[in-house]
Every structure is written in structure tokens, then in C-alpha cells.
Amino acid sequence: MEDHLINVVGTAAALCSMTSFTPQILKIWREKDASSVSMRMFMLTVTGFVLWTTYGVLLGSWPVAVANAVCLVLSAVILALKWKFREG
């Protein structure tokens, strides 16, 4: 497969993954409510992104490492907002 096509697909995948968290973050922030967010799911998501980032670093694949590090930060923001706006 042509390197250019591989890079285009990888870039598109990274952009989709990174931007997918933005609407949830904005919704939680606007409503000051994260009750619909699953704490367990986002804990698992954050763990997965830690592992993917580590994998990218160990492999020397900076696109994998950076894209997953950005997703890690965004999913961690959702977890932090879940904690900040918890009931009780």
C-alpha cells in the first residue's frame, strides 16, 4: 500500500478519535452534569489510552503515541469532570 494513503488513513483515524471526546466535554461543562457518564467505562478508556500511548512510545511510532496521548488527556478531562460534578 502506498505510504501516502497509509498516512491519510492514520491521520483521519487519529482526528476522529481525538475529536470524538469534545462534544461530551462541552456537554458536561455546559450542563455541569456528568451523571450520564459511566465512571467505569472512562476509567477503562483512560487505562487503554495509557497503554496505547506506552505502546506507541515503545514502538517508536510517534503518530500512535501522540494521537493516543491527546485522547488520554481528553478522556481524563471527562473523568475529572465526572468527579467535579458528582452528586453529593
Protein backbone atom coordinates (compact mmCIF):
# COMPACT_ATOMS: atom_id res chain seq x y z
CA MET A 1 0.00 0.00 0.00
CA GLU A 2 1.24 3.48 -0.79
CA ASP A 3 2.76 5.32 2.20
CA HIS A 4 0.71 8.44 1.47
CA LEU A 5 -2.57 6.52 1.69
CA ILE A 6 -1.47 4.86 4.92
CA ASN A 7 -0.68 8.28 6.43
CA VAL A 8 -4.01 9.73 5.28
CA VAL A 9 -5.92 6.85 6.85
CA GLY A 10 -3.91 7.10 10.07
CA THR A 11 -4.38 10.86 10.28
CA ALA A 12 -8.12 10.56 9.65
CA ALA A 13 -8.43 7.88 12.34
CA ALA A 14 -6.47 9.98 14.84
CA LEU A 15 -8.56 13.09 14.14
CA CYS A 16 -11.81 11.15 14.53
CA SER A 17 -10.64 9.63 17.81
CA MET A 18 -9.40 12.93 19.20
CA THR A 19 -12.46 14.97 18.25
CA SER A 20 -14.93 12.34 19.46
CA PHE A 21 -14.42 13.41 23.08
CA THR A 22 -15.02 17.13 22.51
CA PRO A 23 -18.84 17.09 22.34
CA GLN A 24 -19.03 15.12 25.61
CA ILE A 25 -16.65 17.51 27.36
CA LEU A 26 -18.62 20.55 26.16
CA LYS A 27 -21.95 18.99 27.16
CA ILE A 28 -20.74 18.15 30.66
CA TRP A 29 -19.20 21.61 31.11
CA ARG A 30 -22.30 23.48 29.88
CA GLU A 31 -24.75 21.42 31.95
CA LYS A 32 -22.47 20.98 34.98
CA ASP A 33 -23.72 17.41 34.99
CA ALA A 34 -21.81 14.22 34.29
CA SER A 35 -24.31 11.78 35.76
CA SER A 36 -24.82 10.07 32.40
CA VAL A 37 -21.10 9.31 32.07
CA SER A 38 -20.02 5.84 33.13
CA MET A 39 -17.10 6.12 35.56
CA ARG A 40 -16.07 2.50 34.92
CA MET A 41 -16.12 2.92 31.16
CA PHE A 42 -13.99 6.07 31.24
CA MET A 43 -11.57 4.53 33.74
CA LEU A 44 -11.14 1.66 31.29
CA THR A 45 -10.84 4.11 28.38
CA VAL A 46 -8.13 6.11 30.19
CA THR A 47 -6.28 2.88 31.00
CA GLY A 48 -6.48 1.83 27.35
CA PHE A 49 -5.06 5.16 26.19
CA VAL A 50 -2.22 4.92 28.72
CA LEU A 51 -1.38 1.50 27.27
CA TRP A 52 -1.71 2.66 23.63
CA THR A 53 0.48 5.69 24.34
CA THR A 54 3.08 3.49 26.00
CA TYR A 55 2.90 1.05 23.08
CA GLY A 56 3.47 3.88 20.60
CA VAL A 57 6.45 5.16 22.57
CA LEU A 58 7.99 1.69 22.93
CA LEU A 59 7.45 1.01 19.24
CA GLY A 60 8.90 4.38 18.31
CA SER A 61 5.69 5.28 16.50
CA TRP A 62 5.22 8.92 17.41
CA PRO A 63 1.94 9.30 15.49
CA VAL A 64 0.44 6.45 17.55
CA ALA A 65 1.93 7.80 20.78
CA VAL A 66 0.86 11.42 20.23
CA ALA A 67 -2.66 10.66 18.99
CA ASN A 68 -3.29 8.39 21.93
CA ALA A 69 -1.72 10.84 24.38
CA VAL A 70 -4.17 13.51 23.18
CA CYS A 71 -7.06 11.05 23.57
CA LEU A 72 -5.73 10.18 27.02
CA VAL A 73 -5.84 13.83 28.07
CA LEU A 74 -9.34 14.34 26.67
CA SER A 75 -10.74 11.20 28.29
CA ALA A 76 -9.02 12.15 31.55
CA VAL A 77 -10.76 15.55 31.35
CA ILE A 78 -14.10 13.73 31.15
CA LEU A 79 -13.14 11.66 34.19
CA ALA A 80 -12.12 14.81 36.07
CA LEU A 81 -15.42 16.49 35.17
CA LYS A 82 -17.27 13.37 36.30
CA TRP A 83 -15.50 13.72 39.65
CA LYS A 84 -16.02 17.51 39.83
CA PHE A 85 -19.76 17.42 39.10
CA ARG A 86 -20.57 14.28 41.09
CA GLU A 87 -23.63 14.36 43.25
CA GLY A 88 -23.33 14.50 46.98
